[in-house]
């Protein structure tokens, strides 16, 4: 095996002239790669590989639209955790979210949480990893957690309401208030 990556297995001359090469992937078998393509330079996964990776992504993450649908419906198993600081939470948060900064996620702090619930953890957005740290810490404490893709930034971009207080509130009441003010 090469120090620069997986070994390359020679192809027939005609395929090599078109820029194709065969690579033995790390644990994935043979991958066909096209050296004339930025997209295909490292090959493309088999359909079963893609399905497996995408299923994992969907298990570990959710987006703001799907979260808003469940919050509006009052889904009883979902609790939203804002893993940012108390100041950031007070400046704006998802209605109904509970503020539990990731640095404060300890066994003692988690005693208030229900182990039967699924916790959707978020932070500011893609430039912030407080949601990743929070979901990780909750999982180490024995809780089921998912990460909200794009955090509060994408929540806002999708047009969902944001609460500004130190109290959680609820998305259903925020939607009712928004409709009533029209």
N, C-alpha and C. Protein backbone atom coordinates (compact mmCIF):
# COMPACT_ATOMS: atom_id res chain seq x y z
N UNK A 1 0.84 -1.16 0.00
CA UNK A 1 0.00 0.00 0.00
C UNK A 1 0.89 1.24 0.00
N UNK A 2 0.55 2.21 -0.78
CA UNK A 2 1.31 3.44 -0.90
C UNK A 2 1.07 4.34 0.31
N UNK A 3 2.07 5.14 0.68
CA UNK A 3 1.89 6.10 1.77
C UNK A 3 1.01 7.26 1.34
N UNK A 4 0.85 7.46 0.04
CA UNK A 4 0.04 8.56 -0.47
C UNK A 4 -1.42 8.20 -0.65
N UNK A 5 -1.82 7.02 -0.31
CA UNK A 5 -3.21 6.62 -0.48
C UNK A 5 -3.28 5.17 -0.91
N UNK A 6 -4.46 4.73 -1.33
CA UNK A 6 -4.64 3.33 -1.71
C UNK A 6 -3.88 3.01 -2.99
N UNK A 7 -3.53 1.74 -3.17
CA UNK A 7 -2.78 1.36 -4.37
C UNK A 7 -3.64 1.46 -5.63
N UNK A 8 -2.97 1.77 -6.73
CA UNK A 8 -3.63 1.86 -8.02
C UNK A 8 -3.36 0.57 -8.78
N UNK A 9 -4.43 -0.04 -9.30
CA UNK A 9 -4.31 -1.26 -10.08
C UNK A 9 -4.37 -0.88 -11.55
N UNK A 10 -3.40 -1.32 -12.33
CA UNK A 10 -3.38 -0.92 -13.76
C UNK A 10 -4.65 -1.35 -14.50
N UNK A 11 -5.06 -0.52 -15.44
CA UNK A 11 -6.19 -0.79 -16.31
C UNK A 11 -5.67 -1.01 -17.73
N UNK A 12 -6.50 -1.52 -18.62
CA UNK A 12 -6.09 -1.61 -20.02
C UNK A 12 -5.74 -0.22 -20.56
N UNK A 13 -4.89 -0.17 -21.57
CA UNK A 13 -4.39 1.08 -22.11
C UNK A 13 -5.51 2.03 -22.54
N UNK A 14 -6.56 1.52 -23.17
CA UNK A 14 -7.65 2.38 -23.64
C UNK A 14 -8.33 3.11 -22.49
N UNK A 15 -8.52 2.42 -21.38
CA UNK A 15 -9.14 3.06 -20.22
C UNK A 15 -8.19 4.08 -19.61
N UNK A 16 -6.90 3.77 -19.56
CA UNK A 16 -5.93 4.72 -19.01
C UNK A 16 -5.87 5.97 -19.86
N UNK A 17 -5.98 5.84 -21.19
CA UNK A 17 -5.94 7.00 -22.07
C UNK A 17 -7.15 7.92 -21.83
N UNK A 18 -8.25 7.36 -21.41
CA UNK A 18 -9.44 8.18 -21.11
C UNK A 18 -9.38 8.75 -19.69
N UNK A 19 -8.32 8.49 -18.93
CA UNK A 19 -8.18 9.06 -17.59
C UNK A 19 -8.73 8.21 -16.46
N UNK A 20 -9.19 7.01 -16.76
CA UNK A 20 -9.73 6.16 -15.71
C UNK A 20 -8.61 5.41 -15.02
N UNK A 21 -8.79 5.14 -13.74
CA UNK A 21 -7.87 4.28 -13.01
C UNK A 21 -8.67 3.48 -11.99
N UNK A 22 -8.12 2.37 -11.58
CA UNK A 22 -8.76 1.49 -10.61
C UNK A 22 -7.99 1.61 -9.31
N UNK A 23 -8.71 1.90 -8.23
CA UNK A 23 -8.08 2.06 -6.93
C UNK A 23 -8.66 1.02 -5.98
N UNK A 24 -7.81 0.43 -5.18
CA UNK A 24 -8.30 -0.45 -4.12
C UNK A 24 -8.57 0.43 -2.92
N UNK A 25 -9.84 0.58 -2.57
CA UNK A 25 -10.22 1.45 -1.46
C UNK A 25 -9.92 0.80 -0.12
N UNK A 26 -9.84 1.61 0.89
CA UNK A 26 -9.60 1.11 2.24
C UNK A 26 -10.87 0.44 2.74
N UNK A 27 -10.98 -0.86 2.61
CA UNK A 27 -12.12 -1.60 3.10
C UNK A 27 -13.36 -1.53 2.22
N UNK A 28 -13.26 -0.91 1.04
CA UNK A 28 -14.45 -0.77 0.20
C UNK A 28 -14.35 -1.53 -1.11
N UNK A 29 -13.28 -2.25 -1.32
CA UNK A 29 -13.13 -2.98 -2.57
C UNK A 29 -12.52 -2.10 -3.64
N UNK A 30 -12.85 -2.37 -4.90
CA UNK A 30 -12.27 -1.64 -6.02
C UNK A 30 -13.17 -0.45 -6.37
N UNK A 31 -12.55 0.69 -6.56
CA UNK A 31 -13.26 1.92 -6.91
C UNK A 31 -12.75 2.39 -8.27
N UNK A 32 -13.66 2.73 -9.17
CA UNK A 32 -13.25 3.27 -10.46
C UNK A 32 -13.19 4.79 -10.33
N UNK A 33 -12.06 5.38 -10.71
CA UNK A 33 -11.89 6.81 -10.59
C UNK A 33 -11.53 7.39 -11.95
N UNK A 34 -11.93 8.62 -12.19
CA UNK A 34 -11.66 9.33 -13.44
C UNK A 34 -10.76 10.51 -13.13
N UNK A 35 -9.51 10.44 -13.55
CA UNK A 35 -8.53 11.48 -13.24
C UNK A 35 -8.80 12.77 -14.03
N UNK A 36 -9.71 12.73 -15.00
CA UNK A 36 -10.06 13.92 -15.77
C UNK A 36 -11.27 14.64 -15.17
N UNK A 37 -11.71 14.21 -14.01
CA UNK A 37 -12.92 14.78 -13.40
C UNK A 37 -12.65 15.13 -11.94
N UNK A 38 -12.98 16.35 -11.56
CA UNK A 38 -12.86 16.74 -10.16
C UNK A 38 -13.88 15.97 -9.30
N UNK A 39 -15.05 15.70 -9.83
CA UNK A 39 -16.09 14.99 -9.10
C UNK A 39 -15.75 13.51 -8.95
N UNK A 40 -15.21 12.91 -9.99
CA UNK A 40 -14.96 11.47 -9.98
C UNK A 40 -13.51 11.09 -9.69
N UNK A 41 -12.68 12.05 -9.33
CA UNK A 41 -11.27 11.77 -9.07
C UNK A 41 -11.07 10.66 -8.05
N UNK A 42 -11.92 10.59 -7.05
CA UNK A 42 -11.81 9.56 -6.02
C UNK A 42 -12.87 8.49 -6.17
N UNK A 43 -13.52 8.45 -7.31
CA UNK A 43 -14.51 7.43 -7.59
C UNK A 43 -15.88 7.82 -7.08
N UNK A 44 -16.81 6.91 -7.23
CA UNK A 44 -18.19 7.10 -6.76
C UNK A 44 -18.59 5.85 -6.00
N UNK A 45 -19.34 6.00 -4.93
CA UNK A 45 -19.72 4.83 -4.13
C UNK A 45 -20.74 3.96 -4.85
N UNK A 46 -20.77 2.72 -4.45
CA UNK A 46 -21.81 1.81 -4.91
C UNK A 46 -23.13 2.23 -4.28
N UNK A 47 -24.26 1.92 -4.91
CA UNK A 47 -25.56 2.32 -4.35
C UNK A 47 -25.76 1.87 -2.89
N UNK A 48 -25.33 0.68 -2.55
CA UNK A 48 -25.51 0.20 -1.17
C UNK A 48 -24.66 1.00 -0.19
N UNK A 49 -23.47 1.44 -0.63
CA UNK A 49 -22.63 2.29 0.23
C UNK A 49 -23.31 3.64 0.47
N UNK A 50 -23.84 4.22 -0.61
CA UNK A 50 -24.53 5.50 -0.48
C UNK A 50 -25.73 5.37 0.45
N UNK A 51 -26.53 4.34 0.26
CA UNK A 51 -27.72 4.14 1.10
C UNK A 51 -27.33 4.02 2.57
N UNK A 52 -26.27 3.31 2.85
CA UNK A 52 -25.82 3.12 4.24
C UNK A 52 -25.37 4.44 4.86
N UNK A 53 -24.56 5.21 4.14
CA UNK A 53 -24.07 6.49 4.66
C UNK A 53 -25.21 7.49 4.82
N UNK A 54 -26.10 7.56 3.84
CA UNK A 54 -27.22 8.51 3.92
C UNK A 54 -28.18 8.13 5.06
N UNK A 55 -28.41 6.84 5.26
CA UNK A 55 -29.27 6.41 6.37
C UNK A 55 -28.66 6.83 7.70
N UNK A 56 -27.34 6.70 7.83
CA UNK A 56 -26.68 7.14 9.06
C UNK A 56 -26.81 8.65 9.24
N UNK A 57 -26.61 9.40 8.16
CA UNK A 57 -26.75 10.86 8.28
C UNK A 57 -28.15 11.23 8.75
N UNK A 58 -29.18 10.58 8.21
CA UNK A 58 -30.56 10.88 8.59
C UNK A 58 -30.86 10.46 10.03
N UNK A 59 -30.19 9.41 10.51
CA UNK A 59 -30.37 8.99 11.91
C UNK A 59 -29.72 9.97 12.87
N UNK A 60 -28.59 10.54 12.49
CA UNK A 60 -27.82 11.39 13.39
C UNK A 60 -28.15 12.88 13.27
N UNK A 61 -28.80 13.28 12.17
CA UNK A 61 -29.06 14.70 11.92
C UNK A 61 -30.50 14.91 11.48
N UNK A 62 -30.97 16.14 11.67
CA UNK A 62 -32.27 16.54 11.12
C UNK A 62 -32.12 17.97 10.61
N UNK A 63 -33.10 18.42 9.85
CA UNK A 63 -33.03 19.81 9.36
C UNK A 63 -34.15 20.63 9.99
N UNK A 64 -34.08 21.92 9.78
CA UNK A 64 -35.02 22.82 10.46
C UNK A 64 -36.47 22.59 10.00
N UNK A 65 -36.66 22.23 8.76
CA UNK A 65 -38.03 22.01 8.29
C UNK A 65 -38.66 20.82 9.00
N UNK A 66 -37.95 19.70 9.04
CA UNK A 66 -38.49 18.51 9.70
C UNK A 66 -38.72 18.77 11.19
N UNK A 67 -37.79 19.48 11.82
CA UNK A 67 -37.96 19.80 13.24
C UNK A 67 -39.19 20.68 13.44
N UNK A 68 -39.39 21.67 12.59
CA UNK A 68 -40.55 22.57 12.75
C UNK A 68 -41.86 21.81 12.59
N UNK A 69 -41.90 20.86 11.67
CA UNK A 69 -43.12 20.06 11.48
C UNK A 69 -43.46 19.32 12.78
N UNK A 70 -42.46 18.69 13.40
CA UNK A 70 -42.72 17.94 14.63
C UNK A 70 -43.03 18.86 15.81
N UNK A 71 -42.38 20.02 15.87
CA UNK A 71 -42.67 20.95 16.97
C UNK A 71 -44.07 21.54 16.84
N UNK A 72 -44.46 21.89 15.62
CA UNK A 72 -45.82 22.42 15.40
C UNK A 72 -46.88 21.38 15.76
N UNK A 73 -46.56 20.12 15.50
CA UNK A 73 -47.49 19.04 15.81
C UNK A 73 -47.45 18.68 17.29
N UNK A 74 -46.49 19.23 18.02
CA UNK A 74 -46.38 18.92 19.44
C UNK A 74 -45.90 17.50 19.70
N UNK A 75 -45.01 17.00 18.86
CA UNK A 75 -44.52 15.62 19.03
C UNK A 75 -43.96 15.45 20.45
N UNK A 76 -44.49 14.50 21.18
CA UNK A 76 -44.13 14.38 22.60
C UNK A 76 -42.73 13.83 22.89
N UNK A 77 -42.09 13.22 21.92
CA UNK A 77 -40.79 12.58 22.18
C UNK A 77 -39.59 13.46 21.87
N UNK A 78 -39.83 14.66 21.34
CA UNK A 78 -38.72 15.50 20.89
C UNK A 78 -38.55 16.70 21.83
N UNK A 79 -37.31 16.89 22.25
CA UNK A 79 -36.94 18.05 23.06
C UNK A 79 -35.78 18.74 22.34
N UNK A 80 -35.88 20.05 22.19
CA UNK A 80 -34.83 20.81 21.51
C UNK A 80 -33.91 21.42 22.56
N UNK A 81 -32.62 21.22 22.36
CA UNK A 81 -31.60 21.75 23.28
C UNK A 81 -30.76 22.77 22.54
N UNK A 82 -30.69 23.98 23.08
CA UNK A 82 -29.79 25.02 22.58
C UNK A 82 -28.49 24.88 23.36
N UNK A 83 -27.43 24.49 22.68
CA UNK A 83 -26.15 24.20 23.34
C UNK A 83 -25.24 25.43 23.44
N UNK A 84 -25.77 26.60 23.08
CA UNK A 84 -24.98 27.84 23.13
C UNK A 84 -25.01 28.45 24.53
N UNK A 85 -24.34 29.55 24.68
CA UNK A 85 -24.29 30.25 25.97
C UNK A 85 -25.67 30.79 26.34
N UNK A 86 -25.83 31.14 27.60
CA UNK A 86 -27.09 31.72 28.08
C UNK A 86 -27.38 33.06 27.41
N UNK A 87 -26.33 33.83 27.15
CA UNK A 87 -26.48 35.13 26.50
C UNK A 87 -26.98 34.95 25.06
N UNK A 88 -26.39 34.01 24.33
CA UNK A 88 -26.81 33.76 22.95
C UNK A 88 -28.26 33.27 22.92
N UNK A 89 -28.61 32.41 23.87
CA UNK A 89 -29.98 31.91 23.98
C UNK A 89 -30.97 33.06 24.19
N UNK A 90 -30.66 33.96 25.11
CA UNK A 90 -31.56 35.07 25.41
C UNK A 90 -31.72 36.00 24.21
N UNK A 91 -30.66 36.13 23.39
CA UNK A 91 -30.72 36.99 22.20
C UNK A 91 -31.60 36.41 21.10
N UNK A 92 -31.80 35.11 21.09
CA UNK A 92 -32.66 34.48 20.09
C UNK A 92 -32.48 32.97 20.10
N UNK A 93 -33.60 32.25 20.14
CA UNK A 93 -33.55 30.79 20.15
C UNK A 93 -34.81 30.21 19.51
N UNK A 94 -34.76 28.94 19.23
CA UNK A 94 -35.92 28.24 18.69
C UNK A 94 -36.97 28.18 19.79
N UNK A 95 -38.20 28.64 19.51
CA UNK A 95 -39.25 28.59 20.52
C UNK A 95 -39.43 27.16 21.05
N UNK A 96 -39.41 27.05 22.36
CA UNK A 96 -39.55 25.74 23.00
C UNK A 96 -38.23 25.10 23.36
N UNK A 97 -37.13 25.64 22.83
CA UNK A 97 -35.82 25.05 23.12
C UNK A 97 -35.42 25.30 24.57
N UNK A 98 -34.75 24.33 25.14
CA UNK A 98 -34.21 24.43 26.49
C UNK A 98 -32.74 24.79 26.35
N UNK A 99 -32.29 25.76 27.14
CA UNK A 99 -30.88 26.15 27.09
C UNK A 99 -30.07 25.28 28.04
N UNK A 100 -29.14 24.52 27.46
CA UNK A 100 -28.19 23.72 28.23
C UNK A 100 -26.85 23.82 27.50
N UNK A 101 -26.05 24.83 27.84
CA UNK A 101 -24.76 25.01 27.15
C UNK A 101 -23.92 23.74 27.21
N UNK A 102 -23.28 23.41 26.10
CA UNK A 102 -22.56 22.14 26.02
C UNK A 102 -21.50 22.00 27.10
N UNK A 103 -20.90 23.09 27.53
CA UNK A 103 -19.86 23.02 28.57
C UNK A 103 -20.45 22.68 29.95
N UNK A 104 -21.76 22.82 30.07
CA UNK A 104 -22.43 22.53 31.34
C UNK A 104 -23.15 21.19 31.33
N UNK A 105 -22.98 20.41 30.28
CA UNK A 105 -23.66 19.12 30.19
C UNK A 105 -22.91 18.09 31.02
N UNK A 106 -23.36 17.96 32.25
CA UNK A 106 -22.77 17.02 33.20
C UNK A 106 -23.86 16.06 33.65
N UNK A 107 -23.48 15.04 34.38
CA UNK A 107 -24.46 14.09 34.91
C UNK A 107 -25.44 14.82 35.82
N UNK A 108 -24.95 15.78 36.60
CA UNK A 108 -25.83 16.52 37.49
C UNK A 108 -26.83 17.37 36.70
N UNK A 109 -26.35 18.08 35.69
CA UNK A 109 -27.24 18.92 34.88
C UNK A 109 -28.25 18.07 34.11
N UNK A 110 -27.85 16.87 33.73
CA UNK A 110 -28.71 16.00 32.93
C UNK A 110 -29.79 15.31 33.75
N UNK A 111 -29.71 15.42 35.08
CA UNK A 111 -30.72 14.78 35.92
C UNK A 111 -32.13 15.30 35.62
N UNK A 112 -32.23 16.52 35.11
CA UNK A 112 -33.53 17.11 34.79
C UNK A 112 -34.10 16.58 33.47
N UNK A 113 -33.29 15.87 32.69
CA UNK A 113 -33.73 15.40 31.37
C UNK A 113 -34.38 14.02 31.45
N UNK A 114 -35.30 13.77 30.55
CA UNK A 114 -36.03 12.51 30.48
C UNK A 114 -35.33 11.58 29.50
N UNK A 115 -34.88 10.45 29.96
CA UNK A 115 -34.14 9.50 29.11
C UNK A 115 -35.00 8.87 28.03
N UNK A 116 -36.31 9.02 28.10
CA UNK A 116 -37.19 8.46 27.07
C UNK A 116 -37.32 9.37 25.87
N UNK A 117 -36.85 10.60 25.97
CA UNK A 117 -36.98 11.59 24.90
C UNK A 117 -35.80 11.52 23.94
N UNK A 118 -35.99 12.13 22.77
CA UNK A 118 -34.91 12.30 21.79
C UNK A 118 -34.58 13.78 21.78
N UNK A 119 -33.31 14.10 21.95
CA UNK A 119 -32.87 15.49 22.06
C UNK A 119 -32.26 15.95 20.75
N UNK A 120 -32.82 17.03 20.20
CA UNK A 120 -32.28 17.65 18.99
C UNK A 120 -31.47 18.85 19.46
N UNK A 121 -30.17 18.80 19.19
CA UNK A 121 -29.25 19.80 19.71
C UNK A 121 -28.83 20.74 18.59
N UNK A 122 -28.81 22.05 18.90
CA UNK A 122 -28.40 23.02 17.89
C UNK A 122 -27.50 24.08 18.49
N UNK A 123 -26.86 24.84 17.59
CA UNK A 123 -26.05 26.00 17.97
C UNK A 123 -26.29 27.08 16.92
N UNK A 124 -25.30 27.96 16.69
CA UNK A 124 -25.50 29.08 15.76
C UNK A 124 -25.67 28.64 14.31
N UNK A 125 -24.83 27.75 13.84
CA UNK A 125 -24.88 27.34 12.44
C UNK A 125 -23.68 26.50 12.07
N UNK A 126 -23.39 26.47 10.77
CA UNK A 126 -22.34 25.55 10.30
C UNK A 126 -20.95 25.94 10.77
N UNK A 127 -20.75 27.18 11.20
CA UNK A 127 -19.45 27.60 11.70
C UNK A 127 -19.28 27.37 13.19
N UNK A 128 -20.24 26.72 13.81
CA UNK A 128 -20.24 26.49 15.26
C UNK A 128 -20.35 24.99 15.50
N UNK A 129 -19.58 24.46 16.44
CA UNK A 129 -19.67 23.03 16.71
C UNK A 129 -20.23 22.73 18.11
N UNK A 130 -20.90 23.70 18.72
CA UNK A 130 -21.52 23.46 20.03
C UNK A 130 -22.59 22.37 19.94
N UNK A 131 -23.30 22.29 18.81
CA UNK A 131 -24.32 21.25 18.67
C UNK A 131 -23.68 19.87 18.60
N UNK A 132 -22.55 19.76 17.91
CA UNK A 132 -21.84 18.49 17.83
C UNK A 132 -21.34 18.09 19.22
N UNK A 133 -20.73 19.04 19.91
CA UNK A 133 -20.23 18.76 21.26
C UNK A 133 -21.38 18.41 22.20
N UNK A 134 -22.50 19.13 22.07
CA UNK A 134 -23.64 18.85 22.93
C UNK A 134 -24.25 17.48 22.68
N UNK A 135 -24.45 17.13 21.42
CA UNK A 135 -25.01 15.81 21.09
C UNK A 135 -24.06 14.71 21.56
N UNK A 136 -22.77 14.95 21.40
CA UNK A 136 -21.75 13.99 21.85
C UNK A 136 -21.84 13.81 23.36
N UNK A 137 -21.87 14.91 24.09
CA UNK A 137 -21.90 14.83 25.56
C UNK A 137 -23.20 14.19 26.05
N UNK A 138 -24.32 14.54 25.44
CA UNK A 138 -25.58 13.91 25.84
C UNK A 138 -25.53 12.40 25.60
N UNK A 139 -24.97 12.00 24.47
CA UNK A 139 -24.89 10.56 24.17
C UNK A 139 -23.99 9.85 25.19
N UNK A 140 -22.90 10.49 25.60
CA UNK A 140 -22.04 9.89 26.62
C UNK A 140 -22.76 9.75 27.96
N UNK A 141 -23.74 10.61 28.19
CA UNK A 141 -24.53 10.56 29.41
C UNK A 141 -25.72 9.61 29.29
N UNK A 142 -25.85 8.94 28.14
CA UNK A 142 -26.89 7.94 27.95
C UNK A 142 -28.17 8.43 27.32
N UNK A 143 -28.13 9.60 26.68
CA UNK A 143 -29.32 10.14 26.03
C UNK A 143 -29.24 9.97 24.52
N UNK A 144 -30.40 9.81 23.88
CA UNK A 144 -30.47 9.75 22.42
C UNK A 144 -30.50 11.18 21.90
N UNK A 145 -29.58 11.50 20.98
CA UNK A 145 -29.47 12.87 20.49
C UNK A 145 -29.26 12.90 18.99
N UNK A 146 -29.81 13.95 18.37
CA UNK A 146 -29.60 14.24 16.96
C UNK A 146 -29.11 15.68 16.87
N UNK A 147 -28.41 15.98 15.79
CA UNK A 147 -27.90 17.33 15.57
C UNK A 147 -28.76 18.04 14.53
N UNK A 148 -29.07 19.31 14.79
CA UNK A 148 -29.83 20.11 13.83
C UNK A 148 -28.86 20.70 12.82
N UNK A 149 -29.01 20.33 11.56
CA UNK A 149 -28.16 20.86 10.50
C UNK A 149 -28.37 22.37 10.35
N UNK A 150 -27.29 23.12 10.28
CA UNK A 150 -27.38 24.55 10.04
C UNK A 150 -27.76 25.40 11.23
N UNK A 151 -28.15 24.76 12.33
CA UNK A 151 -28.44 25.47 13.56
C UNK A 151 -29.47 26.58 13.42
N UNK A 152 -29.33 27.57 14.30
CA UNK A 152 -30.26 28.69 14.32
C UNK A 152 -30.22 29.49 13.02
N UNK A 153 -29.07 29.55 12.38
CA UNK A 153 -28.93 30.27 11.11
C UNK A 153 -29.88 29.70 10.06
N UNK A 154 -29.85 28.40 9.84
CA UNK A 154 -30.73 27.81 8.83
C UNK A 154 -32.18 27.80 9.29
N UNK A 155 -32.41 27.72 10.61
CA UNK A 155 -33.77 27.83 11.14
C UNK A 155 -34.37 29.17 10.70
N UNK A 156 -33.60 30.24 10.89
CA UNK A 156 -34.06 31.58 10.49
C UNK A 156 -34.22 31.67 8.98
N UNK A 157 -33.26 31.16 8.23
CA UNK A 157 -33.32 31.22 6.75
C UNK A 157 -34.56 30.52 6.21
N UNK A 158 -35.01 29.48 6.91
CA UNK A 158 -36.23 28.78 6.49
C UNK A 158 -37.49 29.52 6.90
N UNK A 159 -37.34 30.66 7.58
CA UNK A 159 -38.49 31.49 7.92
C UNK A 159 -39.21 31.11 9.19
N UNK A 160 -38.59 30.30 10.03
CA UNK A 160 -39.24 29.89 11.28
C UNK A 160 -39.07 30.97 12.34
N UNK A 161 -40.01 31.06 13.27
CA UNK A 161 -39.92 32.11 14.30
C UNK A 161 -38.78 31.86 15.27
N UNK A 162 -38.31 32.96 15.86
CA UNK A 162 -37.25 32.92 16.87
C UNK A 162 -37.75 33.67 18.09
N UNK A 163 -37.55 33.08 19.25
CA UNK A 163 -37.95 33.72 20.51
C UNK A 163 -36.76 34.47 21.09
N UNK A 164 -37.02 35.58 21.74
CA UNK A 164 -35.95 36.36 22.38
C UNK A 164 -36.31 36.58 23.84
N UNK A 165 -35.87 35.66 24.67
CA UNK A 165 -36.05 35.74 26.11
C UNK A 165 -35.22 34.63 26.73
N UNK A 166 -35.23 34.59 28.05
CA UNK A 166 -34.51 33.50 28.70
C UNK A 166 -35.44 32.33 28.99
N UNK A 167 -36.70 32.43 28.55
CA UNK A 167 -37.69 31.36 28.74
C UNK A 167 -37.90 30.58 27.45
N UNK A 168 -38.14 29.27 27.53
CA UNK A 168 -38.28 28.45 26.33
C UNK A 168 -39.47 28.77 25.44
N UNK A 169 -40.67 28.98 25.98
CA UNK A 169 -41.85 29.18 25.14
C UNK A 169 -42.18 27.92 24.36
N UNK A 170 -42.91 28.07 23.25
CA UNK A 170 -43.19 26.93 22.38
C UNK A 170 -43.39 27.40 20.96
N UNK A 171 -43.09 26.53 20.01
CA UNK A 171 -43.24 26.89 18.61
C UNK A 171 -44.72 27.06 18.26
N UNK A 172 -45.58 26.23 18.82
CA UNK A 172 -47.01 26.35 18.51
C UNK A 172 -47.56 27.71 18.93
N UNK A 173 -47.16 28.21 20.11
CA UNK A 173 -47.65 29.53 20.53
C UNK A 173 -47.02 30.63 19.69
N UNK A 174 -45.77 30.47 19.28
CA UNK A 174 -45.11 31.47 18.42
C UNK A 174 -45.80 31.55 17.07
N UNK A 175 -46.22 30.42 16.52
CA UNK A 175 -46.93 30.41 15.23
C UNK A 175 -48.29 31.07 15.39
N UNK A 176 -48.99 30.78 16.50
CA UNK A 176 -50.30 31.41 16.74
C UNK A 176 -50.15 32.92 16.85
N UNK A 177 -49.12 33.39 17.57
CA UNK A 177 -48.88 34.84 17.70
C UNK A 177 -48.57 35.47 16.35
N UNK A 178 -47.80 34.79 15.53
CA UNK A 178 -47.42 35.31 14.21
C UNK A 178 -48.66 35.43 13.32
N UNK A 179 -49.53 34.43 13.34
CA UNK A 179 -50.76 34.42 12.55
C UNK A 179 -51.70 35.53 13.05
N UNK A 180 -51.81 35.68 14.37
CA UNK A 180 -52.71 36.69 14.95
C UNK A 180 -52.27 38.11 14.63
N UNK A 181 -50.96 38.33 14.46
CA UNK A 181 -50.45 39.68 14.19
C UNK A 181 -50.57 40.08 12.72
N UNK A 182 -51.01 39.20 11.86
CA UNK A 182 -51.13 39.52 10.43
C UNK A 182 -52.34 40.32 10.13
